[in-house]
């Protein structure tokens, strides 16, 4: 292992790619797809889980069908960017379920948030009552997405 990066062979990569596409695949089918027998496949899978390459398994929900098709990207500028301020902001962001993603950015602003709600009215409430009250916020700018052209997980076109 080099740094925090795992050394993966072609079977490990095949396991990860297959699971990213179909997390419900059986061990028997997984073994068939990667070209190993069931026991070594199971051992490799367990090892990948223990090493943290696989953090968990979850259902991928369709936000549009669930009425959550309003997406806004919010640029956030902080008044204070010292480590304590960033930690406080990060902890507070984690408590807002409408914030789907939060990224610390190197650029003209400090954070980029992806916020998902049911409509503009709901977004305005989240912005006013939750995002604007986050610690150390100096200003925000909102960009509303009109259409998702591409949304994928790690292996949606990216090779492992």
N, C-alpha and C. Protein backbone atom coordinates (compact mmCIF):
# COMPACT_ATOMS: atom_id res chain seq x y z
N UNK A 1 0.85 -1.19 0.00
CA UNK A 1 0.00 0.00 0.00
C UNK A 1 0.89 1.23 0.00
N UNK A 2 0.59 2.15 -0.86
CA UNK A 2 1.36 3.37 -1.02
C UNK A 2 0.54 4.52 -0.48
N UNK A 3 0.97 5.14 0.63
CA UNK A 3 0.17 6.18 1.27
C UNK A 3 -1.15 5.59 1.72
N UNK A 4 -2.25 6.23 1.33
CA UNK A 4 -3.58 5.71 1.64
C UNK A 4 -4.19 4.98 0.46
N UNK A 5 -3.47 4.87 -0.63
CA UNK A 5 -3.99 4.23 -1.84
C UNK A 5 -3.74 2.73 -1.76
N UNK A 6 -4.78 1.97 -2.03
CA UNK A 6 -4.68 0.52 -2.00
C UNK A 6 -4.08 0.00 -3.30
N UNK A 7 -3.29 -1.06 -3.19
CA UNK A 7 -2.80 -1.74 -4.38
C UNK A 7 -3.83 -2.80 -4.75
N UNK A 8 -4.41 -2.66 -5.92
CA UNK A 8 -5.47 -3.55 -6.37
C UNK A 8 -5.05 -4.27 -7.64
N UNK A 9 -5.33 -5.57 -7.70
CA UNK A 9 -5.05 -6.30 -8.94
C UNK A 9 -6.32 -6.30 -9.80
N UNK A 10 -6.24 -7.00 -10.93
CA UNK A 10 -7.37 -6.95 -11.87
C UNK A 10 -8.63 -7.59 -11.29
N UNK A 11 -8.49 -8.58 -10.42
CA UNK A 11 -9.67 -9.20 -9.81
C UNK A 11 -10.33 -8.25 -8.81
N UNK A 12 -9.51 -7.55 -8.00
CA UNK A 12 -10.05 -6.56 -7.06
C UNK A 12 -10.80 -5.48 -7.83
N UNK A 13 -10.20 -4.99 -8.89
CA UNK A 13 -10.84 -3.94 -9.70
C UNK A 13 -12.13 -4.45 -10.34
N UNK A 14 -12.12 -5.68 -10.78
CA UNK A 14 -13.33 -6.26 -11.38
C UNK A 14 -14.44 -6.39 -10.33
N UNK A 15 -14.07 -6.77 -9.12
CA UNK A 15 -15.06 -6.85 -8.03
C UNK A 15 -15.66 -5.48 -7.78
N UNK A 16 -14.82 -4.46 -7.64
CA UNK A 16 -15.30 -3.11 -7.35
C UNK A 16 -16.17 -2.56 -8.48
N UNK A 17 -15.76 -2.77 -9.71
CA UNK A 17 -16.54 -2.29 -10.84
C UNK A 17 -17.90 -2.98 -10.90
N UNK A 18 -17.90 -4.28 -10.70
CA UNK A 18 -19.16 -5.04 -10.74
C UNK A 18 -20.10 -4.60 -9.62
N UNK A 19 -19.58 -4.45 -8.41
CA UNK A 19 -20.42 -4.04 -7.28
C UNK A 19 -20.93 -2.60 -7.43
N UNK A 20 -20.11 -1.74 -8.02
CA UNK A 20 -20.56 -0.36 -8.23
C UNK A 20 -21.73 -0.31 -9.21
N UNK A 21 -21.74 -1.24 -10.15
CA UNK A 21 -22.83 -1.30 -11.12
C UNK A 21 -24.05 -2.04 -10.58
N UNK A 22 -23.80 -3.07 -9.73
CA UNK A 22 -24.89 -3.88 -9.18
C UNK A 22 -24.50 -4.38 -7.80
N UNK A 23 -24.81 -3.59 -6.78
CA UNK A 23 -24.46 -3.93 -5.40
C UNK A 23 -25.22 -5.12 -4.84
N UNK A 24 -26.23 -5.59 -5.55
CA UNK A 24 -27.03 -6.72 -5.08
C UNK A 24 -26.65 -8.04 -5.74
N UNK A 25 -25.57 -8.04 -6.52
CA UNK A 25 -25.15 -9.25 -7.20
C UNK A 25 -24.76 -10.31 -6.15
N UNK A 26 -25.12 -11.55 -6.41
CA UNK A 26 -24.78 -12.64 -5.48
C UNK A 26 -23.30 -12.96 -5.59
N UNK A 27 -22.74 -13.58 -4.56
CA UNK A 27 -21.34 -13.99 -4.58
C UNK A 27 -21.09 -14.93 -5.75
N UNK A 28 -22.01 -15.85 -5.98
CA UNK A 28 -21.87 -16.81 -7.08
C UNK A 28 -21.78 -16.09 -8.42
N UNK A 29 -22.67 -15.13 -8.64
CA UNK A 29 -22.66 -14.37 -9.89
C UNK A 29 -21.43 -13.47 -9.99
N UNK A 30 -21.05 -12.87 -8.86
CA UNK A 30 -19.85 -12.03 -8.84
C UNK A 30 -18.63 -12.85 -9.22
N UNK A 31 -18.50 -14.03 -8.64
CA UNK A 31 -17.37 -14.92 -8.95
C UNK A 31 -17.36 -15.27 -10.43
N UNK A 32 -18.53 -15.58 -10.98
CA UNK A 32 -18.63 -15.91 -12.40
C UNK A 32 -18.18 -14.74 -13.27
N UNK A 33 -18.64 -13.54 -12.94
CA UNK A 33 -18.31 -12.37 -13.75
C UNK A 33 -16.83 -12.02 -13.73
N UNK A 34 -16.17 -12.24 -12.59
CA UNK A 34 -14.75 -11.86 -12.52
C UNK A 34 -13.80 -12.99 -12.88
N UNK A 35 -14.34 -14.20 -12.98
CA UNK A 35 -13.52 -15.33 -13.41
C UNK A 35 -12.76 -16.03 -12.31
N UNK A 36 -13.29 -16.01 -11.10
CA UNK A 36 -12.70 -16.75 -9.97
C UNK A 36 -13.77 -17.65 -9.38
N UNK A 37 -13.35 -18.59 -8.55
CA UNK A 37 -14.33 -19.41 -7.85
C UNK A 37 -14.90 -18.62 -6.68
N UNK A 38 -15.93 -19.17 -6.06
CA UNK A 38 -16.69 -18.47 -5.03
C UNK A 38 -15.84 -18.13 -3.79
N UNK A 39 -15.06 -19.09 -3.28
CA UNK A 39 -14.29 -18.87 -2.04
C UNK A 39 -13.27 -17.74 -2.16
N UNK A 40 -12.41 -17.73 -3.19
CA UNK A 40 -11.48 -16.61 -3.30
C UNK A 40 -12.18 -15.27 -3.56
N UNK A 41 -13.29 -15.31 -4.25
CA UNK A 41 -14.05 -14.07 -4.48
C UNK A 41 -14.57 -13.53 -3.17
N UNK A 42 -15.12 -14.42 -2.35
CA UNK A 42 -15.64 -14.03 -1.03
C UNK A 42 -14.53 -13.47 -0.15
N UNK A 43 -13.35 -14.10 -0.17
CA UNK A 43 -12.21 -13.64 0.63
C UNK A 43 -11.75 -12.26 0.17
N UNK A 44 -11.69 -12.06 -1.14
CA UNK A 44 -11.29 -10.77 -1.68
C UNK A 44 -12.30 -9.68 -1.32
N UNK A 45 -13.58 -10.02 -1.41
CA UNK A 45 -14.63 -9.07 -1.07
C UNK A 45 -14.52 -8.65 0.39
N UNK A 46 -14.34 -9.62 1.27
CA UNK A 46 -14.20 -9.34 2.70
C UNK A 46 -12.98 -8.43 2.95
N UNK A 47 -11.86 -8.73 2.26
CA UNK A 47 -10.64 -7.93 2.40
C UNK A 47 -10.88 -6.49 1.93
N UNK A 48 -11.56 -6.32 0.79
CA UNK A 48 -11.85 -4.98 0.28
C UNK A 48 -12.74 -4.20 1.25
N UNK A 49 -13.67 -4.88 1.89
CA UNK A 49 -14.53 -4.24 2.90
C UNK A 49 -13.70 -3.83 4.11
N UNK A 50 -12.85 -4.74 4.60
CA UNK A 50 -12.02 -4.46 5.79
C UNK A 50 -11.03 -3.33 5.55
N UNK A 51 -10.51 -3.24 4.33
CA UNK A 51 -9.55 -2.18 3.99
C UNK A 51 -10.22 -0.84 3.72
N UNK A 52 -11.55 -0.84 3.63
CA UNK A 52 -12.27 0.42 3.41
C UNK A 52 -12.45 0.79 1.95
N UNK A 53 -12.05 -0.07 1.02
CA UNK A 53 -12.29 0.21 -0.40
C UNK A 53 -13.79 0.20 -0.68
N UNK A 54 -14.51 -0.65 0.04
CA UNK A 54 -15.97 -0.68 -0.02
C UNK A 54 -16.46 -0.15 1.32
N UNK A 55 -17.08 1.01 1.30
CA UNK A 55 -17.53 1.65 2.54
C UNK A 55 -18.91 1.19 2.97
N UNK A 56 -19.66 0.59 2.06
CA UNK A 56 -20.99 0.14 2.42
C UNK A 56 -21.80 -0.14 1.17
N UNK A 57 -23.04 -0.51 1.38
CA UNK A 57 -23.96 -0.83 0.29
C UNK A 57 -25.23 -0.03 0.53
N UNK A 58 -25.80 0.52 -0.53
CA UNK A 58 -27.01 1.31 -0.36
C UNK A 58 -27.85 1.28 -1.62
N UNK A 59 -29.09 1.65 -1.46
CA UNK A 59 -29.99 1.78 -2.60
C UNK A 59 -29.77 3.15 -3.24
N UNK A 60 -29.83 3.21 -4.54
CA UNK A 60 -29.74 4.48 -5.25
C UNK A 60 -31.17 4.91 -5.56
N UNK A 61 -31.58 5.97 -4.91
CA UNK A 61 -32.95 6.45 -5.05
C UNK A 61 -33.07 7.40 -6.23
N UNK A 62 -34.25 7.47 -6.81
CA UNK A 62 -34.52 8.39 -7.90
C UNK A 62 -35.13 9.65 -7.31
N UNK A 63 -34.35 10.72 -7.19
CA UNK A 63 -34.87 11.93 -6.55
C UNK A 63 -36.05 12.56 -7.27
N UNK A 64 -36.11 12.43 -8.59
CA UNK A 64 -37.22 13.01 -9.35
C UNK A 64 -38.52 12.29 -8.99
N UNK A 65 -38.48 10.97 -8.95
CA UNK A 65 -39.68 10.19 -8.59
C UNK A 65 -40.11 10.44 -7.15
N UNK A 66 -39.16 10.87 -6.32
CA UNK A 66 -39.46 11.15 -4.92
C UNK A 66 -39.83 12.62 -4.69
N UNK A 67 -39.96 13.36 -5.78
CA UNK A 67 -40.36 14.77 -5.66
C UNK A 67 -39.24 15.69 -5.22
N UNK A 68 -38.00 15.28 -5.40
CA UNK A 68 -36.85 16.11 -5.00
C UNK A 68 -36.02 16.48 -6.22
N UNK A 69 -36.68 17.13 -7.18
CA UNK A 69 -36.00 17.42 -8.43
C UNK A 69 -35.47 18.85 -8.54
N UNK A 70 -35.53 19.62 -7.47
CA UNK A 70 -34.97 20.96 -7.47
C UNK A 70 -33.55 20.90 -6.93
N UNK A 71 -32.58 21.22 -7.78
CA UNK A 71 -31.17 21.19 -7.38
C UNK A 71 -30.59 22.59 -7.51
N UNK A 72 -29.95 23.02 -6.44
CA UNK A 72 -29.27 24.30 -6.44
C UNK A 72 -27.83 24.08 -6.01
N UNK A 73 -26.92 24.78 -6.66
CA UNK A 73 -25.52 24.79 -6.25
C UNK A 73 -25.28 26.13 -5.58
N UNK A 74 -24.68 26.08 -4.41
CA UNK A 74 -24.51 27.29 -3.62
C UNK A 74 -23.02 27.53 -3.37
N UNK A 75 -22.54 28.67 -3.84
CA UNK A 75 -21.19 29.10 -3.51
C UNK A 75 -21.26 29.74 -2.13
N UNK A 76 -20.37 29.37 -1.25
CA UNK A 76 -20.34 29.92 0.09
C UNK A 76 -18.98 30.58 0.33
N UNK A 77 -19.02 31.80 0.81
CA UNK A 77 -17.82 32.50 1.24
C UNK A 77 -17.89 32.63 2.75
N UNK A 78 -16.80 32.28 3.41
CA UNK A 78 -16.76 32.37 4.86
C UNK A 78 -16.03 33.63 5.28
N UNK A 79 -16.40 34.14 6.44
CA UNK A 79 -15.74 35.31 7.01
C UNK A 79 -14.43 34.92 7.67
N UNK A 80 -14.30 33.65 8.03
CA UNK A 80 -13.11 33.15 8.73
C UNK A 80 -12.79 31.78 8.13
N UNK A 81 -11.55 31.59 7.70
CA UNK A 81 -11.18 30.30 7.10
C UNK A 81 -10.07 29.61 7.88
N UNK A 82 -9.92 29.95 9.14
CA UNK A 82 -8.97 29.20 9.97
C UNK A 82 -9.54 27.82 10.25
N UNK A 83 -8.69 26.89 10.64
CA UNK A 83 -9.09 25.50 10.80
C UNK A 83 -10.29 25.31 11.73
N UNK A 84 -10.35 26.05 12.84
CA UNK A 84 -11.49 25.92 13.76
C UNK A 84 -12.79 26.34 13.08
N UNK A 85 -12.74 27.39 12.27
CA UNK A 85 -13.93 27.87 11.57
C UNK A 85 -14.37 26.85 10.53
N UNK A 86 -13.42 26.29 9.79
CA UNK A 86 -13.75 25.28 8.79
C UNK A 86 -14.37 24.04 9.46
N UNK A 87 -13.80 23.62 10.59
CA UNK A 87 -14.33 22.46 11.31
C UNK A 87 -15.75 22.72 11.80
N UNK A 88 -16.01 23.91 12.30
CA UNK A 88 -17.36 24.26 12.78
C UNK A 88 -18.35 24.26 11.62
N UNK A 89 -17.94 24.83 10.51
CA UNK A 89 -18.79 24.86 9.31
C UNK A 89 -19.07 23.44 8.83
N UNK A 90 -18.03 22.61 8.73
CA UNK A 90 -18.18 21.23 8.27
C UNK A 90 -19.15 20.45 9.15
N UNK A 91 -19.02 20.60 10.45
CA UNK A 91 -19.89 19.88 11.39
C UNK A 91 -21.34 20.33 11.23
N UNK A 92 -21.55 21.62 11.05
CA UNK A 92 -22.91 22.14 10.91
C UNK A 92 -23.54 21.69 9.59
N UNK A 93 -22.76 21.67 8.52
CA UNK A 93 -23.25 21.23 7.21
C UNK A 93 -23.73 19.78 7.29
N UNK A 94 -23.01 18.95 8.03
CA UNK A 94 -23.35 17.53 8.15
C UNK A 94 -24.76 17.33 8.73
N UNK A 95 -25.27 18.31 9.45
CA UNK A 95 -26.59 18.20 10.06
C UNK A 95 -27.75 18.69 9.20
N UNK A 96 -27.50 19.07 7.97
CA UNK A 96 -28.55 19.57 7.09
C UNK A 96 -28.79 18.55 5.99
N UNK A 97 -29.87 17.77 6.08
CA UNK A 97 -30.08 16.69 5.12
C UNK A 97 -30.28 17.15 3.68
N UNK A 98 -30.74 18.36 3.46
CA UNK A 98 -30.95 18.86 2.10
C UNK A 98 -29.62 19.11 1.37
N UNK A 99 -28.54 19.26 2.13
CA UNK A 99 -27.23 19.43 1.50
C UNK A 99 -26.72 18.05 1.14
N UNK A 100 -26.74 17.77 -0.15
CA UNK A 100 -26.37 16.46 -0.66
C UNK A 100 -24.86 16.30 -0.77
N UNK A 101 -24.17 17.38 -1.09
CA UNK A 101 -22.72 17.37 -1.20
C UNK A 101 -22.18 18.70 -0.72
N UNK A 102 -20.99 18.68 -0.15
CA UNK A 102 -20.30 19.91 0.27
C UNK A 102 -18.82 19.72 -0.02
N UNK A 103 -18.26 20.68 -0.75
CA UNK A 103 -16.85 20.58 -1.15
C UNK A 103 -16.12 21.86 -0.77
N UNK A 104 -14.97 21.74 -0.11
CA UNK A 104 -14.08 22.86 0.13
C UNK A 104 -13.36 23.13 -1.18
N UNK A 105 -13.39 24.38 -1.63
CA UNK A 105 -12.92 24.74 -2.96
C UNK A 105 -11.70 25.65 -2.88
N UNK A 106 -10.76 25.43 -3.78
CA UNK A 106 -9.64 26.36 -3.96
C UNK A 106 -10.05 27.30 -5.09
N UNK A 107 -10.41 28.52 -4.75
CA UNK A 107 -10.88 29.44 -5.79
C UNK A 107 -11.37 30.73 -5.18
N UNK A 108 -12.34 31.36 -5.85
CA UNK A 108 -12.87 32.66 -5.41
C UNK A 108 -13.89 32.56 -4.30
N UNK A 109 -14.27 31.36 -3.91
CA UNK A 109 -15.18 31.15 -2.79
C UNK A 109 -14.66 29.96 -2.01
N UNK A 110 -15.28 29.65 -0.88
CA UNK A 110 -14.72 28.64 0.01
C UNK A 110 -15.36 27.25 -0.12
N UNK A 111 -16.68 27.19 -0.28
CA UNK A 111 -17.38 25.92 -0.38
C UNK A 111 -18.36 25.94 -1.54
N UNK A 112 -18.58 24.77 -2.11
CA UNK A 112 -19.64 24.58 -3.08
C UNK A 112 -20.56 23.51 -2.52
N UNK A 113 -21.83 23.87 -2.34
CA UNK A 113 -22.83 22.96 -1.79
C UNK A 113 -23.80 22.55 -2.89
N UNK A 114 -24.17 21.28 -2.89
CA UNK A 114 -25.25 20.81 -3.76
C UNK A 114 -26.45 20.58 -2.85
N UNK A 115 -27.51 21.32 -3.12
CA UNK A 115 -28.70 21.29 -2.26
C UNK A 115 -29.87 20.76 -3.07
N UNK A 116 -30.55 19.75 -2.52
CA UNK A 116 -31.68 19.13 -3.22
C UNK A 116 -32.94 19.31 -2.37
N UNK A 117 -33.98 19.89 -3.01
CA UNK A 117 -35.27 20.10 -2.36
C UNK A 117 -36.39 19.80 -3.35
N UNK A 118 -37.61 19.97 -2.90
CA UNK A 118 -38.75 19.67 -3.77
C UNK A 118 -39.07 20.80 -4.75
N UNK A 119 -38.80 22.04 -4.36
CA UNK A 119 -39.13 23.17 -5.22
C UNK A 119 -38.41 24.42 -4.74
N UNK A 120 -38.59 25.51 -5.47
CA UNK A 120 -37.92 26.77 -5.13
C UNK A 120 -38.33 27.28 -3.76
N UNK A 121 -39.58 27.15 -3.42
CA UNK A 121 -40.06 27.62 -2.11
C UNK A 121 -39.33 26.87 -0.99
N UNK A 122 -39.23 25.56 -1.12
CA UNK A 122 -38.51 24.76 -0.11
C UNK A 122 -37.04 25.15 -0.05
N UNK A 123 -36.44 25.36 -1.22
CA UNK A 123 -35.04 25.77 -1.25
C UNK A 123 -34.85 27.10 -0.52
N UNK A 124 -35.73 28.06 -0.79
CA UNK A 124 -35.61 29.38 -0.15
C UNK A 124 -35.68 29.26 1.37
N UNK A 125 -36.52 28.35 1.87
CA UNK A 125 -36.60 28.13 3.32
C UNK A 125 -35.31 27.52 3.85
N UNK A 126 -34.78 26.54 3.16
CA UNK A 126 -33.52 25.91 3.58
C UNK A 126 -32.40 26.95 3.57
N UNK A 127 -32.35 27.76 2.54
CA UNK A 127 -31.32 28.80 2.45
C UNK A 127 -31.45 29.80 3.60
N UNK A 128 -32.67 30.29 3.82
CA UNK A 128 -32.88 31.32 4.83
C UNK A 128 -32.73 30.81 6.26
N UNK A 129 -33.27 29.63 6.53
CA UNK A 129 -33.33 29.15 7.91
C UNK A 129 -32.17 28.25 8.31
N UNK A 130 -31.49 27.65 7.35
CA UNK A 130 -30.45 26.70 7.71
C UNK A 130 -29.08 27.07 7.15
N UNK A 131 -29.00 27.28 5.84
CA UNK A 131 -27.69 27.55 5.24
C UNK A 131 -27.16 28.91 5.68
N UNK A 132 -28.01 29.93 5.64
CA UNK A 132 -27.56 31.29 6.00
C UNK A 132 -27.18 31.43 7.47
N UNK A 133 -27.59 30.47 8.28
CA UNK A 133 -27.26 30.53 9.71
C UNK A 133 -26.06 29.65 10.06
N UNK A 134 -25.44 29.04 9.07
CA UNK A 134 -24.25 28.23 9.32
C UNK A 134 -23.13 29.12 9.87
N UNK A 135 -22.25 28.56 10.69
CA UNK A 135 -21.20 29.37 11.29
C UNK A 135 -20.24 29.97 10.26
N UNK A 136 -19.88 31.24 10.50
CA UNK A 136 -18.85 31.95 9.75
C UNK A 136 -19.23 32.31 8.31
N UNK A 137 -20.50 32.23 7.94
CA UNK A 137 -20.90 32.58 6.57
C UNK A 137 -20.82 34.09 6.37
N UNK A 138 -20.16 34.49 5.29
CA UNK A 138 -20.11 35.90 4.91
C UNK A 138 -21.11 36.16 3.79
N UNK A 139 -21.18 35.23 2.81
CA UNK A 139 -22.13 35.42 1.70
C UNK A 139 -22.35 34.09 0.98
N UNK A 140 -23.46 34.06 0.22
CA UNK A 140 -23.77 32.90 -0.62
C UNK A 140 -24.22 33.38 -1.99
N UNK A 141 -24.03 32.54 -2.98
CA UNK A 141 -24.58 32.77 -4.32
C UNK A 141 -25.18 31.46 -4.78
N UNK A 142 -26.39 31.52 -5.32
CA UNK A 142 -27.10 30.32 -5.73
C UNK A 142 -27.18 30.20 -7.25
N UNK A 143 -26.99 28.97 -7.72
CA UNK A 143 -27.15 28.63 -9.14
C UNK A 143 -28.11 27.45 -9.19
N UNK A 144 -29.22 27.62 -9.89
CA UNK A 144 -30.23 26.57 -9.98
C UNK A 144 -29.97 25.73 -11.22
N UNK A 145 -29.92 24.41 -11.03
CA UNK A 145 -29.72 23.49 -12.15
C UNK A 145 -31.02 23.33 -12.91
N UNK A 146 -30.96 23.43 -14.22
CA UNK A 146 -32.16 23.25 -15.05
C UNK A 146 -32.36 21.79 -15.42
N UNK A 147 -31.25 21.05 -15.57
CA UNK A 147 -31.34 19.65 -15.97
C UNK A 147 -30.05 18.95 -15.55
N UNK A 148 -30.16 17.72 -15.05
CA UNK A 148 -28.98 16.91 -14.78
C UNK A 148 -28.61 16.20 -16.07
N UNK A 149 -27.48 16.56 -16.63
CA UNK A 149 -27.01 15.95 -17.87
C UNK A 149 -26.27 14.66 -17.58
N UNK A 150 -25.52 14.64 -16.47
CA UNK A 150 -24.78 13.44 -16.07
C UNK A 150 -24.63 13.43 -14.56
N UNK A 151 -25.09 12.36 -13.94
CA UNK A 151 -24.90 12.14 -12.49
C UNK A 151 -24.57 10.67 -12.32
N UNK A 152 -23.35 10.40 -11.91
CA UNK A 152 -22.95 9.02 -11.72
C UNK A 152 -22.17 8.87 -10.43
N UNK A 153 -22.00 7.61 -10.03
CA UNK A 153 -21.13 7.30 -8.91
C UNK A 153 -19.71 7.14 -9.42
N UNK A 154 -18.87 6.51 -8.62
CA UNK A 154 -17.46 6.38 -8.95
C UNK A 154 -17.22 5.69 -10.28
N UNK A 155 -17.91 4.59 -10.56
CA UNK A 155 -17.58 3.84 -11.77
C UNK A 155 -18.49 4.14 -12.93
N UNK A 156 -19.31 5.14 -12.84
CA UNK A 156 -20.17 5.48 -13.99
C UNK A 156 -19.35 6.10 -15.09
N UNK A 157 -18.47 5.31 -15.69
CA UNK A 157 -17.62 5.82 -16.74
C UNK A 157 -16.18 5.97 -16.29
N UNK A 158 -15.94 5.94 -14.99
CA UNK A 158 -14.59 6.03 -14.46
C UNK A 158 -14.10 4.63 -14.18
N UNK A 159 -12.92 4.28 -14.64
CA UNK A 159 -12.45 2.93 -14.36
C UNK A 159 -11.77 2.89 -13.00
N UNK A 160 -11.98 1.77 -12.34
CA UNK A 160 -11.40 1.55 -11.01
C UNK A 160 -10.03 0.95 -11.19
